[in-house]
N, C-alpha and C. Protein backbone atom coordinates (compact mmCIF):
# COMPACT_ATOMS: atom_id res chain seq x y z
N MET A 1 145.93 65.55 152.23
CA MET A 1 145.74 66.02 151.15
C MET A 1 145.13 67.64 151.42
N GLU A 2 143.78 67.36 152.44
CA GLU A 2 143.60 68.55 152.72
C GLU A 2 143.80 68.66 152.87
N LEU A 3 144.47 69.12 154.65
CA LEU A 3 145.31 70.04 154.84
C LEU A 3 146.08 71.01 153.77
N ILE A 4 146.92 70.55 153.66
CA ILE A 4 147.08 71.31 152.93
C ILE A 4 147.28 72.31 151.78
N LYS A 5 145.83 71.82 150.71
CA LYS A 5 144.90 72.60 150.76
C LYS A 5 144.87 73.66 151.23
N ASP A 6 143.94 73.95 152.51
CA ASP A 6 143.29 75.46 153.50
C ASP A 6 144.72 76.28 153.72
N ILE A 7 146.31 75.68 154.00
CA ILE A 7 147.55 76.00 154.03
C ILE A 7 146.80 77.06 152.23
N ASN A 8 147.03 76.35 151.97
CA ASN A 8 147.86 77.48 149.80
C ASN A 8 146.39 78.17 150.55
N LYS A 9 144.88 78.27 151.14
CA LYS A 9 144.26 79.68 150.64
C LYS A 9 144.73 81.11 150.86
N SER A 10 143.96 81.77 150.05
CA SER A 10 143.87 83.22 149.92
C SER A 10 143.68 83.35 151.30
N GLN A 11 144.08 84.92 151.66
CA GLN A 11 143.05 84.97 152.42
C GLN A 11 141.87 85.78 152.28
N ILE A 12 142.23 85.99 151.13
CA ILE A 12 140.64 86.36 149.89
C ILE A 12 138.97 85.10 149.93
N GLU A 13 139.82 84.00 150.08
CA GLU A 13 139.29 83.24 150.03
C GLU A 13 138.38 82.28 152.00
N ILE A 14 139.80 82.13 153.11
CA ILE A 14 139.11 83.35 153.94
C ILE A 14 137.91 83.50 154.68
N TYR A 15 138.11 85.10 154.01
CA TYR A 15 137.26 86.01 154.16
C TYR A 15 135.84 85.67 153.91
N ASN A 16 136.31 85.31 153.05
CA ASN A 16 134.78 84.51 151.37
C ASN A 16 134.25 83.15 152.37
N GLU A 17 134.75 82.13 152.72
CA GLU A 17 134.31 81.92 153.76
C GLU A 17 133.98 81.78 155.11
N CYS A 18 134.49 82.96 155.60
CA CYS A 18 133.80 83.43 157.20
C CYS A 18 132.60 83.78 156.95
N LEU A 19 132.08 84.64 155.06
CA LEU A 19 130.79 85.31 155.28
C LEU A 19 129.25 84.42 154.75
N VAL A 20 130.34 83.11 154.43
CA VAL A 20 129.25 82.43 154.66
C VAL A 20 128.81 81.39 155.61
N ASN A 21 129.61 81.33 157.26
CA ASN A 21 129.64 80.23 157.62
C ASN A 21 128.85 81.80 158.60
N LEU A 22 129.01 82.95 158.50
CA LEU A 22 128.82 83.60 159.24
C LEU A 22 127.56 83.99 159.02
N GLU A 23 126.62 83.66 158.29
CA GLU A 23 125.33 83.47 157.71
C GLU A 23 124.25 82.82 158.22
N HIS A 24 125.44 81.51 158.60
CA HIS A 24 124.39 80.81 159.43
C HIS A 24 125.18 80.57 160.75
N LEU A 25 126.49 81.44 161.22
CA LEU A 25 125.81 81.14 162.96
C LEU A 25 125.43 82.06 163.56
N ILE A 26 125.33 83.30 162.18
CA ILE A 26 124.40 85.04 163.35
C ILE A 26 123.13 84.90 163.38
N VAL A 27 121.74 84.99 164.33
CA VAL A 27 121.53 84.08 164.42
C VAL A 27 120.32 85.93 164.37
N PRO A 28 119.43 86.19 164.27
CA PRO A 28 118.18 87.34 164.87
C PRO A 28 118.04 87.43 166.49
N THR A 29 117.18 86.02 166.43
CA THR A 29 116.33 85.83 167.89
C THR A 29 117.38 85.21 169.43
N ASP A 30 118.77 85.55 168.88
CA ASP A 30 119.82 85.21 169.73
C ASP A 30 119.52 85.68 170.17
N LYS A 31 120.73 86.07 171.60
CA LYS A 31 121.52 87.01 172.69
C LYS A 31 122.16 87.59 172.26
N LEU A 32 122.47 89.15 172.14
CA LEU A 32 123.17 90.21 170.92
C LEU A 32 124.77 89.74 171.74
N ILE A 33 125.16 88.87 172.92
CA ILE A 33 125.99 87.81 173.35
C ILE A 33 126.79 87.42 172.86
N SER A 34 126.23 86.29 172.17
CA SER A 34 125.89 85.56 171.89
C SER A 34 125.92 85.03 170.31
N ASN A 35 125.59 86.51 169.71
CA ASN A 35 125.74 86.27 168.46
C ASN A 35 127.03 86.45 168.29
N LEU A 36 127.79 87.58 168.63
CA LEU A 36 129.01 88.74 168.74
C LEU A 36 130.28 87.47 169.67
N SER A 37 130.40 86.58 169.74
CA SER A 37 130.67 85.33 170.22
C SER A 37 131.43 85.53 169.09
N ASN A 38 130.11 84.40 168.48
CA ASN A 38 129.97 83.32 167.77
C ASN A 38 130.94 84.20 166.01
N PHE A 39 130.59 85.42 165.78
CA PHE A 39 131.36 86.03 164.97
C PHE A 39 132.96 86.10 165.54
N LEU A 40 133.18 86.51 166.75
CA LEU A 40 135.01 86.18 167.07
C LEU A 40 135.15 85.07 166.60
N ALA A 41 134.58 84.13 167.25
CA ALA A 41 135.49 82.23 167.78
C ALA A 41 135.46 82.03 165.72
N GLN A 42 134.80 83.07 164.97
CA GLN A 42 135.01 82.30 162.86
C GLN A 42 135.96 82.75 162.14
N LEU A 43 136.50 84.41 163.44
CA LEU A 43 137.11 84.95 162.73
C LEU A 43 138.43 84.58 163.12
N LYS A 44 138.47 84.19 164.22
CA LYS A 44 140.21 84.34 165.41
C LYS A 44 140.22 82.59 164.68
N ASN A 45 139.04 82.19 164.88
CA ASN A 45 139.75 80.23 164.82
C ASN A 45 139.73 80.19 163.28
N SER A 46 139.96 81.57 162.22
CA SER A 46 140.11 81.27 160.91
C SER A 46 141.69 81.59 160.38
N PHE A 47 141.69 82.59 161.25
CA PHE A 47 143.19 82.79 160.89
C PHE A 47 143.89 82.66 162.60
N PRO A 48 145.45 82.59 161.88
CA PRO A 48 146.25 82.16 163.36
C PRO A 48 147.13 82.79 163.27
N LYS A 49 147.43 84.32 162.64
CA LYS A 49 147.60 85.62 162.69
C LYS A 49 147.52 86.67 164.04
N ILE A 50 145.84 86.62 164.57
CA ILE A 50 144.71 86.86 164.95
C ILE A 50 145.59 86.18 166.66
N SER A 51 146.63 87.80 167.38
CA SER A 51 146.06 86.47 168.81
C SER A 51 145.21 87.40 169.57
N TRP A 52 144.01 88.77 168.96
CA TRP A 52 143.66 89.05 170.01
C TRP A 52 142.91 89.90 169.72
N ILE A 53 140.98 89.61 169.99
CA ILE A 53 140.21 89.96 168.99
C ILE A 53 139.14 90.23 169.04
N GLY A 54 137.84 91.23 169.81
CA GLY A 54 137.29 91.42 170.56
C GLY A 54 136.41 92.82 170.04
N PHE A 55 135.45 92.79 170.59
CA PHE A 55 134.35 94.47 170.63
C PHE A 55 134.57 95.00 171.51
N TYR A 56 135.18 96.16 171.98
CA TYR A 56 134.88 97.27 172.32
C TYR A 56 133.00 98.35 171.70
N ILE A 57 132.21 98.38 172.60
CA ILE A 57 130.77 98.94 172.56
C ILE A 57 130.66 100.40 173.92
N THR A 58 130.62 101.23 172.83
CA THR A 58 130.03 102.30 173.80
C THR A 58 128.79 102.46 174.07
N GLU A 59 129.28 103.09 174.98
CA GLU A 59 128.53 103.84 176.02
C GLU A 59 129.81 105.21 176.80
N LYS A 60 128.82 106.59 176.63
CA LYS A 60 128.76 107.56 176.68
C LYS A 60 130.27 107.96 176.09
N ASN A 61 129.80 107.89 175.37
CA ASN A 61 131.94 108.29 174.52
C ASN A 61 132.46 108.34 175.42
N LYS A 62 132.10 106.45 176.01
CA LYS A 62 133.71 105.84 176.08
C LYS A 62 133.20 104.70 175.28
N LEU A 63 133.81 103.32 175.32
CA LEU A 63 134.22 101.68 174.46
C LEU A 63 134.14 101.03 176.19
N PHE A 64 133.10 100.22 176.25
CA PHE A 64 134.19 98.64 177.31
C PHE A 64 134.34 98.05 176.44
N LEU A 65 134.79 97.02 177.00
CA LEU A 65 135.48 96.29 176.80
C LEU A 65 133.63 94.36 177.02
N SER A 66 133.80 93.92 175.54
CA SER A 66 132.33 93.00 175.35
C SER A 66 132.86 91.84 174.88
N PRO A 67 132.31 91.35 174.10
CA PRO A 67 132.76 89.43 173.93
C PRO A 67 134.49 90.16 173.23
N PHE A 68 135.39 89.12 173.80
CA PHE A 68 136.61 88.75 173.21
C PHE A 68 137.76 87.67 173.52
N GLN A 69 138.16 87.55 172.52
CA GLN A 69 138.92 86.23 172.22
C GLN A 69 140.02 87.16 172.71
N GLY A 70 141.33 85.95 173.59
CA GLY A 70 141.87 86.20 173.74
C GLY A 70 142.68 86.31 174.81
N ASN A 71 143.34 86.77 175.44
CA ASN A 71 144.06 87.44 176.70
C ASN A 71 143.34 88.42 177.88
N SER A 72 143.78 88.81 178.43
CA SER A 72 143.05 89.96 179.38
C SER A 72 143.35 91.10 178.84
N ALA A 73 142.20 92.43 178.40
CA ALA A 73 142.43 93.11 177.89
C ALA A 73 142.20 94.66 179.05
N CYS A 74 142.29 95.11 178.22
CA CYS A 74 142.05 97.36 178.92
C CYS A 74 140.51 97.22 178.95
N THR A 75 139.46 97.44 180.32
CA THR A 75 138.24 97.40 179.89
C THR A 75 137.61 98.62 179.89
N GLU A 76 137.68 99.61 179.84
CA GLU A 76 137.53 100.75 179.10
C GLU A 76 138.48 101.89 178.10
N ILE A 77 137.65 102.74 177.68
CA ILE A 77 139.33 102.79 176.69
C ILE A 77 138.21 104.77 176.37
N SER A 78 138.45 105.76 176.07
CA SER A 78 138.52 106.44 176.10
C SER A 78 137.80 107.61 175.34
N PHE A 79 137.64 107.82 173.94
CA PHE A 79 137.48 108.09 173.26
C PHE A 79 138.36 109.54 172.30
N GLY A 80 139.41 108.61 171.43
CA GLY A 80 140.47 109.43 171.13
C GLY A 80 141.52 109.45 171.42
N LYS A 81 141.93 107.80 172.83
CA LYS A 81 142.45 107.11 172.63
C LYS A 81 143.01 106.12 172.41
N GLY A 82 144.80 106.50 171.53
CA GLY A 82 144.22 104.68 171.18
C GLY A 82 144.32 104.39 170.17
N VAL A 83 144.14 103.27 170.16
CA VAL A 83 143.95 102.95 168.29
C VAL A 83 142.33 102.89 168.66
N CYS A 84 141.61 101.96 169.16
CA CYS A 84 140.63 102.18 169.84
C CYS A 84 139.90 103.48 169.67
N GLY A 85 140.30 104.07 169.61
CA GLY A 85 139.73 105.67 170.65
C GLY A 85 139.98 106.35 169.80
N ILE A 86 140.86 106.17 168.80
CA ILE A 86 141.02 107.60 167.50
C ILE A 86 140.12 107.05 166.75
N SER A 87 140.20 105.43 166.04
CA SER A 87 139.51 104.68 165.27
C SER A 87 137.62 105.17 165.43
N ALA A 88 137.13 105.31 166.65
CA ALA A 88 135.94 105.02 167.07
C ALA A 88 135.54 106.85 166.58
N LEU A 89 136.77 107.52 167.39
CA LEU A 89 136.20 109.43 167.57
C LEU A 89 135.99 110.06 165.94
N SER A 90 137.27 108.94 164.91
CA SER A 90 137.25 109.39 163.32
C SER A 90 136.95 108.60 162.65
N GLN A 91 135.81 106.82 162.96
CA GLN A 91 134.85 106.86 162.54
C GLN A 91 135.92 105.95 161.02
N LYS A 92 136.47 105.71 160.99
CA LYS A 92 137.37 105.43 160.29
C LYS A 92 138.54 103.71 160.69
N THR A 93 138.43 103.13 159.73
CA THR A 93 139.04 102.37 160.37
C THR A 93 140.78 102.23 159.89
N LEU A 94 141.15 101.77 161.19
CA LEU A 94 142.77 102.18 161.32
C LEU A 94 144.23 101.30 161.65
N ILE A 95 144.86 100.78 160.43
CA ILE A 95 145.70 99.70 160.21
C ILE A 95 146.95 99.91 161.20
N VAL A 96 147.65 99.59 162.18
CA VAL A 96 148.83 100.05 163.08
C VAL A 96 149.80 98.69 162.93
N ASP A 97 150.44 98.24 162.10
CA ASP A 97 151.91 98.55 161.44
C ASP A 97 152.55 98.03 162.19
N ASP A 98 153.08 98.90 162.60
CA ASP A 98 153.72 98.02 164.02
C ASP A 98 153.52 99.78 166.05
N VAL A 99 152.79 98.07 167.03
CA VAL A 99 152.20 99.84 167.56
C VAL A 99 152.95 99.79 168.20
N HIS A 100 154.27 99.73 169.12
CA HIS A 100 155.04 100.62 169.17
C HIS A 100 155.42 101.89 168.15
N ASP A 101 155.52 102.11 167.61
CA ASP A 101 155.40 102.85 166.94
C ASP A 101 154.26 104.41 166.98
N PHE A 102 153.32 103.57 167.38
CA PHE A 102 151.54 104.91 167.18
C PHE A 102 151.90 105.08 168.48
N PRO A 103 152.26 106.41 169.05
CA PRO A 103 152.37 107.41 169.83
C PRO A 103 151.60 107.13 170.75
N ASP A 104 149.72 106.36 171.04
CA ASP A 104 149.20 106.50 171.62
C ASP A 104 148.26 105.64 171.72
N HIS A 105 149.19 104.72 171.20
CA HIS A 105 149.26 102.84 171.51
C HIS A 105 149.05 102.39 173.03
N ILE A 106 147.68 102.30 173.34
CA ILE A 106 147.76 101.35 174.80
C ILE A 106 147.48 100.41 174.74
N ALA A 107 149.25 99.80 175.24
CA ALA A 107 149.49 98.59 175.69
C ALA A 107 148.79 97.22 176.94
N CYS A 108 147.68 96.20 176.52
CA CYS A 108 147.30 95.69 177.17
C CYS A 108 147.38 94.70 177.18
N ASP A 109 148.75 93.55 176.58
CA ASP A 109 149.71 93.19 175.96
C ASP A 109 150.95 92.95 174.99
N SER A 110 151.90 93.32 175.84
CA SER A 110 152.92 93.66 175.61
C SER A 110 153.86 92.89 174.39
N LYS A 111 152.25 91.56 173.44
CA LYS A 111 153.45 90.50 173.06
C LYS A 111 153.06 91.64 171.53
N SER A 112 151.52 91.94 171.61
CA SER A 112 150.94 92.76 170.24
C SER A 112 151.92 93.31 169.21
N ALA A 113 151.71 92.96 168.99
CA ALA A 113 152.92 94.22 167.68
C ALA A 113 152.20 94.91 166.52
N SER A 114 151.36 94.26 165.79
CA SER A 114 150.25 95.01 165.27
C SER A 114 148.93 94.86 164.87
N GLU A 115 148.52 95.58 164.83
CA GLU A 115 146.01 96.40 165.13
C GLU A 115 146.15 96.66 163.57
N ILE A 116 144.04 96.01 164.07
CA ILE A 116 143.54 96.88 163.06
C ILE A 116 142.21 97.47 163.63
N VAL A 117 141.23 98.43 164.14
CA VAL A 117 140.63 98.27 165.28
C VAL A 117 139.53 98.93 163.09
N VAL A 118 138.45 98.41 163.27
CA VAL A 118 137.39 98.86 162.02
C VAL A 118 136.17 98.98 163.29
N PRO A 119 135.75 100.15 162.62
CA PRO A 119 135.18 100.63 163.80
C PRO A 119 133.29 100.31 163.58
N ILE A 120 132.13 100.89 164.17
CA ILE A 120 130.87 100.48 164.07
C ILE A 120 129.63 102.09 163.51
N VAL A 121 129.70 101.56 163.31
CA VAL A 121 128.72 103.23 162.44
C VAL A 121 127.51 102.48 162.92
N ILE A 122 126.37 102.85 162.59
CA ILE A 122 125.30 103.05 163.45
C ILE A 122 124.30 105.14 163.16
N ASN A 123 124.08 104.80 162.43
CA ASN A 123 122.71 106.76 161.93
C ASN A 123 124.16 106.99 162.49
N ASN A 124 124.77 107.90 162.11
CA ASN A 124 126.82 107.98 162.25
C ASN A 124 126.96 108.62 163.66
N SER A 125 126.71 106.95 164.58
CA SER A 125 126.80 107.30 165.26
C SER A 125 128.11 105.33 165.17
N THR A 126 128.75 106.47 166.47
CA THR A 126 130.20 104.81 166.66
C THR A 126 129.25 104.24 167.94
N TRP A 127 129.28 103.17 167.32
CA TRP A 127 128.02 101.72 168.22
C TRP A 127 129.46 101.12 169.06
N GLY A 128 130.98 101.17 168.42
CA GLY A 128 131.70 99.87 169.27
C GLY A 128 132.38 100.02 168.38
N VAL A 129 134.36 98.83 168.20
CA VAL A 129 134.91 98.92 167.56
C VAL A 129 134.89 97.65 167.29
N LEU A 130 135.43 97.04 166.39
CA LEU A 130 136.45 95.81 166.11
C LEU A 130 137.55 95.55 166.45
N ASP A 131 138.26 95.08 167.12
CA ASP A 131 139.56 95.63 167.68
C ASP A 131 140.68 93.63 167.29
N LEU A 132 141.48 94.23 166.19
CA LEU A 132 142.22 92.33 166.09
C LEU A 132 143.84 92.55 166.45
N ASP A 133 143.53 91.33 167.52
CA ASP A 133 145.60 92.29 167.88
C ASP A 133 146.41 90.97 166.88
N SER A 134 147.79 91.83 166.50
CA SER A 134 149.09 89.88 166.19
C SER A 134 150.16 90.16 166.78
N TYR A 135 150.67 89.36 166.80
CA TYR A 135 152.05 88.55 167.40
C TYR A 135 153.44 89.44 166.51
N SER A 136 152.66 89.36 164.73
CA SER A 136 153.28 89.57 163.68
C SER A 136 153.17 90.94 162.87
N ILE A 137 154.35 91.99 162.91
CA ILE A 137 154.70 93.37 162.25
C ILE A 137 153.33 93.24 160.92
N SER A 138 152.98 93.98 160.97
CA SER A 138 152.32 94.29 158.97
C SER A 138 151.46 92.84 158.98
N ALA A 139 150.61 92.42 160.17
CA ALA A 139 149.81 90.80 159.89
C ALA A 139 148.97 91.96 159.28
N PHE A 140 148.44 93.57 158.96
CA PHE A 140 146.71 93.56 158.64
C PHE A 140 147.48 94.23 157.20
N SER A 141 145.97 94.24 156.39
CA SER A 141 146.36 94.79 154.96
C SER A 141 145.24 95.43 154.84
N LYS A 142 145.44 96.36 153.32
CA LYS A 142 143.72 96.17 152.67
C LYS A 142 143.01 94.99 152.41
N ILE A 143 142.86 93.57 152.41
CA ILE A 143 142.37 93.00 152.15
C ILE A 143 141.89 92.76 153.91
N ASP A 144 142.34 92.69 154.71
CA ASP A 144 142.13 92.80 155.78
C ASP A 144 141.02 93.71 156.16
N GLU A 145 140.97 94.89 156.35
CA GLU A 145 140.41 95.82 155.62
C GLU A 145 139.35 96.20 156.10
N GLN A 146 139.66 95.77 153.99
CA GLN A 146 137.70 95.48 153.22
C GLN A 146 137.00 94.46 153.84
N TYR A 147 137.54 93.59 154.00
CA TYR A 147 136.79 92.15 154.22
C TYR A 147 136.07 92.72 156.12
N LEU A 148 137.09 93.25 156.57
CA LEU A 148 136.54 92.98 158.04
C LEU A 148 135.34 94.44 158.27
N GLU A 149 135.63 95.07 156.79
CA GLU A 149 134.04 96.27 157.02
C GLU A 149 133.10 95.73 156.50
N ARG A 150 133.49 94.40 155.60
CA ARG A 150 132.19 93.72 155.57
C ARG A 150 130.96 92.74 155.94
N CYS A 151 132.10 92.17 156.94
CA CYS A 151 131.66 90.90 157.28
C CYS A 151 130.62 92.00 158.69
N ILE A 152 131.68 93.56 159.23
CA ILE A 152 131.00 93.94 159.95
C ILE A 152 129.51 94.89 159.60
N SER A 153 129.15 94.94 158.12
CA SER A 153 128.35 95.26 158.06
C SER A 153 126.89 94.70 157.70
N PHE A 154 127.64 93.31 157.46
CA PHE A 154 126.59 92.36 158.01
C PHE A 154 126.47 92.09 158.81
N LEU A 155 127.37 91.73 160.08
CA LEU A 155 126.36 91.78 161.15
C LEU A 155 125.58 93.22 161.49
N ALA A 156 126.69 94.12 161.00
CA ALA A 156 125.43 94.91 161.63
C ALA A 156 124.30 95.49 161.19
N ASN A 157 124.13 95.14 159.83
CA ASN A 157 122.33 94.85 159.09
C ASN A 157 121.94 93.52 159.83
N LYS A 158 122.42 92.44 159.69
CA LYS A 158 121.64 91.19 160.44
C LYS A 158 120.93 91.20 161.55
N LEU A 159 122.02 91.64 162.40
CA LEU A 159 121.43 91.76 163.92
C LEU A 159 120.86 93.47 164.31
N ASP A 160 120.06 93.89 163.82
CA ASP A 160 119.82 94.92 163.17
C ASP A 160 120.23 96.02 165.15
N LEU A 161 121.39 96.05 164.75
CA LEU A 161 122.60 96.62 166.01
C LEU A 161 121.77 98.20 166.58
N ASP A 162 121.52 99.21 165.70
CA ASP A 162 121.10 100.35 166.06
C ASP A 162 119.64 100.37 167.16
N ASN A 163 119.40 98.78 167.32
CA ASN A 163 118.60 98.93 168.67
C ASN A 163 119.26 98.28 169.67
N PHE A 164 120.39 98.93 169.49
CA PHE A 164 121.16 97.84 170.68
C PHE A 164 121.87 98.50 171.17
N ILE A 165 122.19 99.89 170.43
CA ILE A 165 122.94 101.24 171.58
C ILE A 165 122.71 101.26 173.33
N LEU A 166 123.79 101.03 173.77
CA LEU A 166 123.78 101.09 175.50
C LEU A 166 123.34 103.13 175.51
N SER A 167 123.93 104.31 175.01
CA SER A 167 124.37 105.30 174.78
C SER A 167 123.18 106.30 174.61
């Protein structure tokens, strides 16, 4: 019966559970890479719609692949290029319902159908982005945007990310 209950949970309930779990998983005294990896695992394991999730961290106006879960990915993205680069440059979350209709989409996985990218902005500078892909069209919504932004805010505050700026 527990399984049926879990299947019927709303996205909001799942995100709220994730936030509670992240409170225990993210430990400021642990290595940054460990915390970023656990953050991603919590989200990927909570949402079957996610085919790929990862961080790209800024160094000299470029985004570099950092911890991720999923298939291999592009390792370097310039600001202003692709969904990640545009999000990094604009410092705005982007939801792309169909990546095949996005003019500057960078296809690392040909099966990806939709994407959401949340910028991580510290002291008015783009520290990096959180990138999520799905094999389903229109997989991400305003609910995802709102809660992923909350998750990133939590992460940035708990880890004091301004001390980890790479460039």
